[in-house]
N, C-alpha and C. Protein backbone atom coordinates (compact mmCIF):
# COMPACT_ATOMS: atom_id res chain seq x y z
N UNK A 1 50.15 41.74 75.66
CA UNK A 1 49.58 41.22 74.33
C UNK A 1 48.28 42.05 74.13
N UNK A 2 47.53 42.32 75.22
CA UNK A 2 46.29 42.86 75.02
C UNK A 2 46.42 44.53 74.71
N UNK A 3 47.51 45.06 75.38
CA UNK A 3 47.93 46.42 74.91
C UNK A 3 48.34 46.63 73.38
N UNK A 4 48.83 45.57 72.69
CA UNK A 4 49.15 45.76 71.52
C UNK A 4 47.80 45.65 70.87
N UNK A 5 47.06 44.79 70.84
CA UNK A 5 45.52 44.73 70.37
C UNK A 5 44.92 46.04 70.38
N UNK A 6 44.83 46.57 71.78
CA UNK A 6 44.35 47.95 71.85
C UNK A 6 44.95 49.05 70.94
N UNK A 7 46.27 49.11 70.87
CA UNK A 7 46.96 50.04 70.20
C UNK A 7 46.47 49.98 68.69
N UNK A 8 46.75 48.62 68.26
CA UNK A 8 46.28 48.54 66.81
C UNK A 8 44.63 49.07 66.46
N UNK A 9 43.93 48.54 67.21
CA UNK A 9 42.21 49.00 67.40
C UNK A 9 42.33 50.57 67.28
N UNK A 10 43.08 51.29 68.29
CA UNK A 10 43.18 52.66 68.45
C UNK A 10 43.61 53.35 67.09
N UNK A 11 44.73 52.81 66.57
CA UNK A 11 45.30 53.46 65.24
C UNK A 11 44.49 53.16 64.17
N UNK A 12 43.79 52.16 64.08
CA UNK A 12 42.97 51.95 62.84
C UNK A 12 41.80 52.89 63.12
N UNK A 13 40.92 53.02 64.25
CA UNK A 13 39.82 53.54 64.46
C UNK A 13 40.19 55.06 64.33
N UNK A 14 41.19 55.71 64.68
CA UNK A 14 41.51 57.18 64.64
C UNK A 14 41.80 57.34 63.16
N UNK A 15 42.18 56.53 62.19
CA UNK A 15 42.41 56.81 60.92
C UNK A 15 41.34 56.54 60.05
N UNK A 16 40.36 55.91 60.47
CA UNK A 16 39.20 55.80 60.01
C UNK A 16 39.38 54.58 58.77
N UNK A 17 40.22 53.44 59.34
CA UNK A 17 40.55 52.39 58.49
C UNK A 17 39.91 51.22 59.02
N UNK A 18 39.47 50.37 58.22
CA UNK A 18 38.73 49.03 58.62
C UNK A 18 39.45 47.82 57.80
N UNK A 19 39.00 46.74 58.55
CA UNK A 19 39.65 45.47 57.66
C UNK A 19 38.41 44.28 57.81
N UNK A 20 38.18 44.05 56.59
CA UNK A 20 37.02 43.03 56.44
C UNK A 20 37.29 41.87 55.87
N UNK A 21 36.82 40.89 55.43
CA UNK A 21 37.21 39.60 54.77
C UNK A 21 36.03 39.02 53.84
N UNK A 22 36.38 38.34 52.96
CA UNK A 22 35.59 37.98 51.83
C UNK A 22 36.25 36.62 51.56
N UNK A 23 35.10 35.38 51.86
CA UNK A 23 35.57 34.11 51.69
C UNK A 23 35.92 33.80 50.07
N UNK A 24 36.75 33.02 49.64
CA UNK A 24 37.01 32.75 48.36
C UNK A 24 36.70 31.13 48.18
N UNK A 25 37.78 30.19 48.80
CA UNK A 25 37.19 28.75 48.64
C UNK A 25 38.01 28.20 50.02
N UNK A 26 37.95 26.66 50.18
CA UNK A 26 38.19 26.07 51.14
C UNK A 26 38.77 26.93 52.67
N UNK A 27 39.50 27.25 52.75
CA UNK A 27 39.68 28.14 54.18
C UNK A 27 40.28 29.05 53.92
N UNK A 28 40.36 29.84 52.42
CA UNK A 28 40.78 31.10 52.34
C UNK A 28 40.00 32.13 52.23
N UNK A 29 40.35 33.37 52.86
CA UNK A 29 39.65 34.51 53.05
C UNK A 29 40.73 35.74 52.60
N UNK A 30 39.91 36.79 51.72
CA UNK A 30 40.86 37.68 51.25
C UNK A 30 40.75 38.87 52.39
N UNK A 31 41.29 38.91 53.14
CA UNK A 31 41.21 40.18 54.33
C UNK A 31 41.57 41.37 53.69
N UNK A 32 40.67 42.64 53.56
CA UNK A 32 41.22 43.65 52.63
C UNK A 32 40.93 44.97 53.90
N UNK A 33 41.96 45.71 53.85
CA UNK A 33 42.02 46.84 54.64
C UNK A 33 41.65 48.11 53.74
N UNK A 34 40.92 49.18 54.08
CA UNK A 34 40.37 50.27 53.27
C UNK A 34 40.39 51.40 54.29
N UNK A 35 40.69 52.48 53.72
CA UNK A 35 40.51 53.78 54.37
C UNK A 35 38.94 54.44 53.91
N UNK A 36 38.94 55.85 54.02
CA UNK A 36 37.74 56.21 53.54
C UNK A 36 37.56 56.19 51.95
N UNK A 37 38.67 56.27 51.16
CA UNK A 37 38.55 56.01 49.75
C UNK A 37 39.59 55.54 49.12
N UNK A 38 40.47 54.73 49.87
CA UNK A 38 41.54 53.68 49.32
C UNK A 38 41.54 52.30 49.52
N UNK A 39 41.87 51.64 48.85
CA UNK A 39 42.02 50.21 49.32
C UNK A 39 43.87 50.10 50.05
N UNK A 40 44.07 49.87 51.09
CA UNK A 40 45.54 50.16 51.42
C UNK A 40 46.17 48.90 51.63
N UNK A 41 45.39 47.59 51.51
CA UNK A 41 46.08 46.20 51.56
C UNK A 41 45.10 45.01 51.38
N UNK A 42 45.48 44.07 50.89
CA UNK A 42 44.76 42.85 51.00
C UNK A 42 45.86 41.59 51.20
N UNK A 43 45.25 40.67 51.71
CA UNK A 43 46.12 39.62 52.13
C UNK A 43 45.37 38.32 52.66
N UNK A 44 45.87 37.24 52.01
CA UNK A 44 45.07 36.00 52.08
C UNK A 44 45.45 35.57 53.35
N UNK A 45 44.35 35.05 54.19
CA UNK A 45 44.44 34.43 55.74
C UNK A 45 43.54 33.39 55.57
N UNK A 46 43.62 32.25 56.43
CA UNK A 46 42.77 31.30 56.83
C UNK A 46 42.01 31.54 57.87
N UNK A 47 41.56 32.61 58.36
CA UNK A 47 40.77 32.94 59.28
C UNK A 47 39.69 34.13 58.63
N UNK A 48 38.75 34.21 59.05
CA UNK A 48 37.55 35.37 58.76
C UNK A 48 37.99 36.43 59.71
N UNK A 49 37.75 37.66 59.10
CA UNK A 49 37.61 39.07 59.67
C UNK A 49 36.06 39.44 59.99
N UNK A 50 35.83 40.44 60.41
CA UNK A 50 34.10 40.69 60.45
C UNK A 50 33.83 41.51 58.89
N UNK A 51 32.87 41.71 59.35
CA UNK A 51 32.38 42.03 57.75
C UNK A 51 32.34 43.65 57.86
N UNK A 52 32.30 44.05 56.57
CA UNK A 52 32.53 45.88 56.18
C UNK A 52 31.47 46.50 56.86
N UNK A 53 31.96 47.48 57.63
CA UNK A 53 30.93 48.68 57.93
C UNK A 53 30.78 49.81 57.40
N UNK A 54 31.78 50.58 56.90
CA UNK A 54 31.34 51.94 56.04
C UNK A 54 30.97 51.69 54.84
N UNK A 55 30.24 52.53 54.06
CA UNK A 55 29.81 52.26 52.67
C UNK A 55 31.06 51.99 51.72
N UNK A 56 32.00 52.81 51.77
CA UNK A 56 33.13 52.35 51.08
C UNK A 56 33.82 51.04 51.12
N UNK A 57 33.69 50.45 52.32
CA UNK A 57 34.26 49.19 52.60
C UNK A 57 33.22 48.29 52.14
N UNK A 58 31.75 48.41 52.19
CA UNK A 58 30.78 47.81 51.73
C UNK A 58 30.94 47.30 50.20
N UNK A 59 31.18 48.49 49.31
CA UNK A 59 31.36 48.81 48.11
C UNK A 59 32.46 47.61 47.61
N UNK A 60 33.40 47.68 48.30
CA UNK A 60 34.91 47.04 47.88
C UNK A 60 34.31 45.37 48.38
N UNK A 61 33.50 45.10 49.58
CA UNK A 61 33.13 43.71 49.59
C UNK A 61 32.19 43.49 48.67
N UNK A 62 31.50 44.01 48.27
CA UNK A 62 30.56 43.67 47.25
C UNK A 62 31.03 43.21 46.06
N UNK A 63 32.04 44.10 45.54
CA UNK A 63 32.56 43.87 44.47
C UNK A 63 33.42 42.53 44.51
N UNK A 64 34.21 42.51 45.34
CA UNK A 64 34.83 41.10 45.72
C UNK A 64 33.93 39.96 45.95
N UNK A 65 33.17 40.03 46.54
CA UNK A 65 32.12 38.61 46.38
C UNK A 65 31.57 38.61 45.00
N UNK A 66 31.45 39.73 44.35
CA UNK A 66 30.94 39.37 42.95
C UNK A 66 31.92 38.86 42.05
N UNK A 67 33.26 39.31 42.12
CA UNK A 67 34.19 38.91 41.34
C UNK A 67 34.45 37.33 41.77
N UNK A 68 34.55 37.04 43.14
CA UNK A 68 34.79 35.45 43.41
C UNK A 68 33.46 34.83 42.56
N UNK A 69 32.56 35.36 42.66
CA UNK A 69 31.27 34.31 42.27
C UNK A 69 31.43 34.32 40.41
N UNK A 70 32.37 35.36 40.01
CA UNK A 70 32.31 35.23 38.53
C UNK A 70 31.69 36.23 37.76
N UNK A 71 30.81 37.20 38.67
CA UNK A 71 30.06 38.31 37.96
C UNK A 71 30.87 39.44 37.74
N UNK A 72 31.84 40.11 38.18
CA UNK A 72 32.51 41.06 38.00
C UNK A 72 33.83 40.81 37.80
N UNK A 73 34.42 41.87 36.91
CA UNK A 73 35.69 41.49 36.16
C UNK A 73 36.68 42.79 36.37
N UNK A 74 36.12 43.93 36.67
CA UNK A 74 37.21 45.18 36.51
C UNK A 74 36.39 46.02 37.69
N UNK A 75 37.44 46.57 38.34
CA UNK A 75 37.09 47.75 39.26
C UNK A 75 37.74 49.14 38.86
N UNK A 76 37.06 50.08 39.73
CA UNK A 76 37.76 51.60 39.53
C UNK A 76 38.03 51.93 41.04
N UNK A 77 38.46 51.15 41.96
CA UNK A 77 38.81 51.52 43.31
C UNK A 77 40.20 52.21 43.22
N UNK A 78 40.17 53.32 44.16
CA UNK A 78 41.67 53.97 44.36
C UNK A 78 42.63 52.80 45.14
N UNK A 79 43.65 52.57 44.85
CA UNK A 79 44.48 51.66 45.51
C UNK A 79 45.58 52.58 45.97
N UNK A 80 46.23 52.36 47.43
CA UNK A 80 47.58 52.79 47.83
C UNK A 80 48.70 51.93 47.55
N UNK A 81 49.40 52.46 46.29
CA UNK A 81 50.29 51.72 45.86
C UNK A 81 51.54 52.47 46.34
N UNK A 82 52.39 51.24 46.95
CA UNK A 82 53.67 51.98 47.53
C UNK A 82 54.64 51.18 46.75
N UNK A 83 55.93 51.64 46.93
CA UNK A 83 57.12 51.13 46.33
C UNK A 83 57.57 52.18 45.37
N UNK A 84 58.74 51.41 44.32
CA UNK A 84 59.64 52.26 43.55
C UNK A 84 58.88 52.58 42.28
N UNK A 85 59.72 53.42 41.48
CA UNK A 85 58.93 53.76 40.24
C UNK A 85 58.78 52.19 39.51
N UNK A 86 59.82 51.45 39.48
CA UNK A 86 59.57 50.13 38.58
C UNK A 86 58.72 49.70 39.04
N UNK A 87 58.38 49.19 40.40
CA UNK A 87 56.80 48.24 40.67
C UNK A 87 55.59 49.22 40.38
N UNK A 88 55.77 50.53 40.37
CA UNK A 88 54.45 51.31 39.92
C UNK A 88 54.05 50.85 38.48
N UNK A 89 55.52 51.08 37.74
CA UNK A 89 55.12 50.90 36.32
C UNK A 89 54.58 49.30 35.95
N UNK A 90 55.22 48.32 36.60
CA UNK A 90 54.87 46.94 36.41
C UNK A 90 53.40 47.01 36.93
N UNK A 91 53.14 47.44 38.00
CA UNK A 91 51.64 47.31 38.64
C UNK A 91 50.88 47.84 37.58
N UNK A 92 51.10 49.08 37.21
CA UNK A 92 50.09 49.77 36.27
C UNK A 92 50.03 49.01 34.81
N UNK A 93 50.91 48.14 34.36
CA UNK A 93 50.84 47.56 33.27
C UNK A 93 49.86 46.23 33.53
N UNK A 94 49.92 45.76 34.58
CA UNK A 94 49.32 44.70 35.37
C UNK A 94 47.90 45.08 35.37
N UNK A 95 47.32 46.20 35.86
CA UNK A 95 46.44 46.66 36.22
C UNK A 95 45.27 46.77 34.67
N UNK A 96 46.21 47.08 33.66
CA UNK A 96 45.56 47.08 32.49
C UNK A 96 45.26 46.07 31.70
N UNK A 97 45.67 44.93 32.23
CA UNK A 97 45.43 43.70 31.69
C UNK A 97 44.03 43.30 31.74
N UNK A 98 43.86 42.54 30.51
CA UNK A 98 42.08 42.13 30.45
C UNK A 98 41.83 41.02 31.35
N UNK A 99 40.80 41.13 31.79
CA UNK A 99 40.41 39.66 32.56
C UNK A 99 40.18 38.56 31.99
N UNK A 100 41.06 37.42 32.54
CA UNK A 100 40.98 36.47 31.68
C UNK A 100 42.51 36.05 30.97
N UNK A 101 42.96 37.20 30.68
CA UNK A 101 44.41 36.99 29.83
C UNK A 101 45.47 36.86 30.98
N UNK A 102 46.52 36.27 30.28
CA UNK A 102 47.83 36.08 31.14
C UNK A 102 48.80 36.34 30.13
N UNK A 103 50.07 36.64 31.37
CA UNK A 103 51.18 36.96 30.41
C UNK A 103 52.39 36.71 31.27
N UNK A 104 53.52 36.39 30.57
CA UNK A 104 54.86 35.96 31.48
C UNK A 104 55.58 37.02 32.06
N UNK A 105 56.38 36.51 32.99
CA UNK A 105 57.27 37.50 33.66
C UNK A 105 58.11 38.62 32.76
N UNK A 106 58.37 37.84 31.49
CA UNK A 106 59.42 38.22 30.67
C UNK A 106 58.30 39.55 29.71
N UNK A 107 57.51 38.87 29.47
CA UNK A 107 56.36 39.90 28.60
C UNK A 107 55.92 41.15 29.43
N UNK A 108 55.59 40.85 30.76
CA UNK A 108 55.18 41.82 31.85
C UNK A 108 56.47 42.74 31.81
N UNK A 109 57.70 42.63 31.87
CA UNK A 109 58.78 43.09 32.15
C UNK A 109 59.20 44.20 30.73
N UNK A 110 58.63 43.67 29.61
CA UNK A 110 58.99 44.18 28.04
C UNK A 110 57.71 45.27 28.15
N UNK A 111 56.66 45.00 28.34
CA UNK A 111 55.37 45.93 28.67
C UNK A 111 55.75 47.06 29.47
N UNK A 112 56.46 46.79 30.32
CA UNK A 112 56.46 47.93 31.41
C UNK A 112 57.77 48.84 31.12
N UNK A 113 58.49 48.36 29.96
CA UNK A 113 59.54 49.10 29.71
C UNK A 113 61.07 48.54 30.33
N UNK A 114 60.97 47.46 30.55
CA UNK A 114 62.18 46.90 31.23
C UNK A 114 62.27 45.49 30.75
N UNK A 115 62.78 45.40 29.31
CA UNK A 115 62.93 44.29 28.98
C UNK A 115 63.75 43.03 29.38
N UNK A 116 64.60 43.32 30.01
CA UNK A 116 65.43 42.35 30.77
C UNK A 116 65.21 42.16 32.23
N UNK A 117 64.17 42.89 32.77
CA UNK A 117 64.22 42.56 34.11
C UNK A 117 63.02 41.42 34.66
N UNK A 118 62.81 40.37 33.91
CA UNK A 118 61.73 39.44 34.43
C UNK A 118 62.02 38.77 35.71
N UNK A 119 63.20 38.75 36.30
CA UNK A 119 63.40 38.51 37.71
C UNK A 119 62.99 39.77 38.59
N UNK A 120 63.08 40.74 38.25
CA UNK A 120 62.52 41.96 39.11
C UNK A 120 61.19 41.94 39.20
N UNK A 121 60.65 41.58 37.95
CA UNK A 121 58.96 41.56 37.97
C UNK A 121 58.51 40.65 38.99
N UNK A 122 59.24 39.05 39.07
CA UNK A 122 58.76 38.55 39.91
C UNK A 122 58.79 38.91 41.50
N UNK A 123 60.03 39.48 41.66
CA UNK A 123 60.25 40.21 42.77
C UNK A 123 59.01 40.95 43.22
N UNK A 124 58.66 42.04 42.21
CA UNK A 124 57.42 43.03 42.45
C UNK A 124 56.18 42.13 42.37
N UNK A 125 55.96 41.31 42.08
CA UNK A 125 54.74 40.15 42.10
C UNK A 125 54.77 39.75 43.32
N UNK A 126 55.89 39.41 44.18
CA UNK A 126 55.68 38.62 45.24
C UNK A 126 55.53 39.74 46.31
N UNK A 127 56.04 41.27 46.33
CA UNK A 127 55.82 42.24 47.08
C UNK A 127 54.30 42.84 46.82
N UNK A 128 53.56 42.59 45.92
CA UNK A 128 52.42 43.10 45.79
C UNK A 128 51.15 42.93 47.14
N UNK A 129 51.06 44.04 47.47
CA UNK A 129 50.06 44.14 48.79
C UNK A 129 48.64 44.18 48.62
N UNK A 130 48.44 44.04 46.97
CA UNK A 130 47.12 44.32 46.65
C UNK A 130 46.30 43.06 45.91
N UNK A 131 46.72 41.76 46.06
CA UNK A 131 46.31 40.70 45.35
C UNK A 131 44.77 40.90 44.85
N UNK A 132 44.63 40.33 43.74
CA UNK A 132 43.18 40.48 43.11
C UNK A 132 43.01 42.02 42.47
N UNK A 133 43.11 42.97 43.42
CA UNK A 133 43.04 44.35 42.89
C UNK A 133 44.30 44.52 42.21
N UNK A 134 45.53 44.16 42.15
CA UNK A 134 46.62 44.04 41.24
C UNK A 134 46.46 42.69 40.80
N UNK A 135 46.45 42.17 39.73
CA UNK A 135 46.16 40.91 39.29
C UNK A 135 47.33 39.97 39.21
N UNK A 136 48.10 40.07 39.85
CA UNK A 136 49.54 39.30 39.73
C UNK A 136 49.26 37.64 39.32
N UNK A 137 47.83 37.14 40.07
CA UNK A 137 47.65 35.63 39.52
C UNK A 137 47.60 35.77 38.11
N UNK A 138 47.70 36.56 37.22
CA UNK A 138 47.49 36.41 35.67
C UNK A 138 48.97 36.52 35.31
N UNK A 139 50.33 36.45 36.11
CA UNK A 139 51.51 36.50 35.41
C UNK A 139 52.31 34.98 35.79
N UNK A 140 52.33 34.36 34.65
CA UNK A 140 52.97 33.02 34.55
C UNK A 140 54.34 32.90 34.10
N UNK A 141 55.08 31.83 34.76
CA UNK A 141 56.26 31.57 34.25
C UNK A 141 56.53 31.02 32.98
N UNK A 142 57.59 31.03 32.23
CA UNK A 142 57.71 30.60 30.95
C UNK A 142 57.35 29.29 30.62
N UNK A 143 57.51 28.33 31.71
CA UNK A 143 57.08 27.00 31.67
C UNK A 143 56.26 26.46 32.87
N UNK A 144 55.37 27.11 33.13
CA UNK A 144 54.26 26.87 34.08
C UNK A 144 53.76 28.04 34.92
N UNK A 145 53.03 27.70 36.06
CA UNK A 145 52.42 28.58 37.00
C UNK A 145 53.26 29.73 37.28
N UNK A 146 54.57 29.62 37.78
CA UNK A 146 55.17 30.32 38.44
C UNK A 146 55.09 30.30 39.78
N UNK A 147 54.96 31.24 40.92
CA UNK A 147 54.77 31.34 42.34
C UNK A 147 53.29 32.10 42.61
N UNK A 148 52.88 31.93 43.67
CA UNK A 148 51.86 32.76 43.96
C UNK A 148 51.65 32.70 45.62
N UNK A 149 51.53 33.70 46.53
CA UNK A 149 51.60 33.65 47.79
C UNK A 149 50.35 33.79 48.52
N UNK A 150 49.78 32.99 49.31
CA UNK A 150 50.55 31.86 50.13
C UNK A 150 50.22 30.62 49.20
N UNK A 151 49.57 30.40 48.21
CA UNK A 151 49.18 29.14 47.60
C UNK A 151 48.98 29.15 46.28
N UNK A 152 49.54 28.15 45.40
CA UNK A 152 49.27 27.86 44.15
C UNK A 152 48.21 27.54 43.71
N UNK A 153 47.36 26.95 44.65
CA UNK A 153 45.99 26.36 44.53
C UNK A 153 44.89 27.88 44.27
N UNK A 154 45.36 28.77 45.07
CA UNK A 154 44.66 30.15 44.76
C UNK A 154 44.75 30.70 43.54
N UNK A 155 46.11 30.37 42.94
CA UNK A 155 46.32 31.08 41.71
C UNK A 155 45.60 30.15 40.53
N UNK A 156 45.57 28.95 40.88
CA UNK A 156 44.79 27.98 39.87
C UNK A 156 43.25 28.52 39.93
N UNK A 157 42.79 28.70 41.11
CA UNK A 157 41.48 29.01 40.88
C UNK A 157 40.97 30.05 40.48
N UNK A 158 41.93 31.19 40.88
CA UNK A 158 41.60 32.74 40.37
C UNK A 158 41.68 32.80 38.91
N UNK A 159 42.85 31.91 38.07
CA UNK A 159 43.20 31.75 36.52
C UNK A 159 41.55 31.01 36.18
N UNK A 160 41.05 29.91 36.87
CA UNK A 160 40.02 29.05 36.28
C UNK A 160 38.64 29.98 36.58
N UNK A 161 38.65 30.83 37.72
CA UNK A 161 37.50 31.59 37.68
C UNK A 161 37.81 32.87 36.36
N UNK A 162 38.82 33.19 35.81
CA UNK A 162 38.76 33.95 34.52
C UNK A 162 38.92 33.05 33.64
N UNK A 163 38.67 31.72 33.46
CA UNK A 163 38.26 31.07 32.19
C UNK A 163 39.40 30.40 31.77
N UNK A 164 40.68 30.44 32.42
CA UNK A 164 41.89 29.75 32.02
C UNK A 164 42.25 28.68 33.13
N UNK A 165 41.99 27.55 32.78
CA UNK A 165 42.35 26.27 33.48
C UNK A 165 43.50 25.86 33.45
N UNK A 166 44.56 26.04 34.44
CA UNK A 166 46.00 25.39 34.65
C UNK A 166 46.01 24.32 35.79
N UNK A 167 45.86 23.24 35.22
CA UNK A 167 45.78 22.25 36.28
C UNK A 167 46.99 21.50 36.48
């Protein structure tokens, strides 16, 4: 197990990649991995990671801290998007959504140019490797919140933060 930790450390350090976390609420931290100029991934965890070290990582960390405090609404960071053309189109539409706005899976499918693909949109949301940066919490089911990994409570709080209270 020790050699695995060393291998991960070596791989990340040799590629100028670092991970840091920002506390949101309760036990949830958003672990964010960045390279020199891209956000590579973000994942909700119940444990903290270390603080950001590089200038770029500190900029991302500061933005997240301000966003979680309700003082920041949009970002201009480069995101490392991976996946199909469909997912890229869905994520692009979602990134263009305004702070505080919500839409249904069906509406997002329509805006992305796939009017009958609401289930596929739901799958794309579940595969989103950049929550908050690609705001999948703004997508709701036709009759309720829909899903959110790892916790609907995070989705509720993000929506409340953006002035939409769904309890």
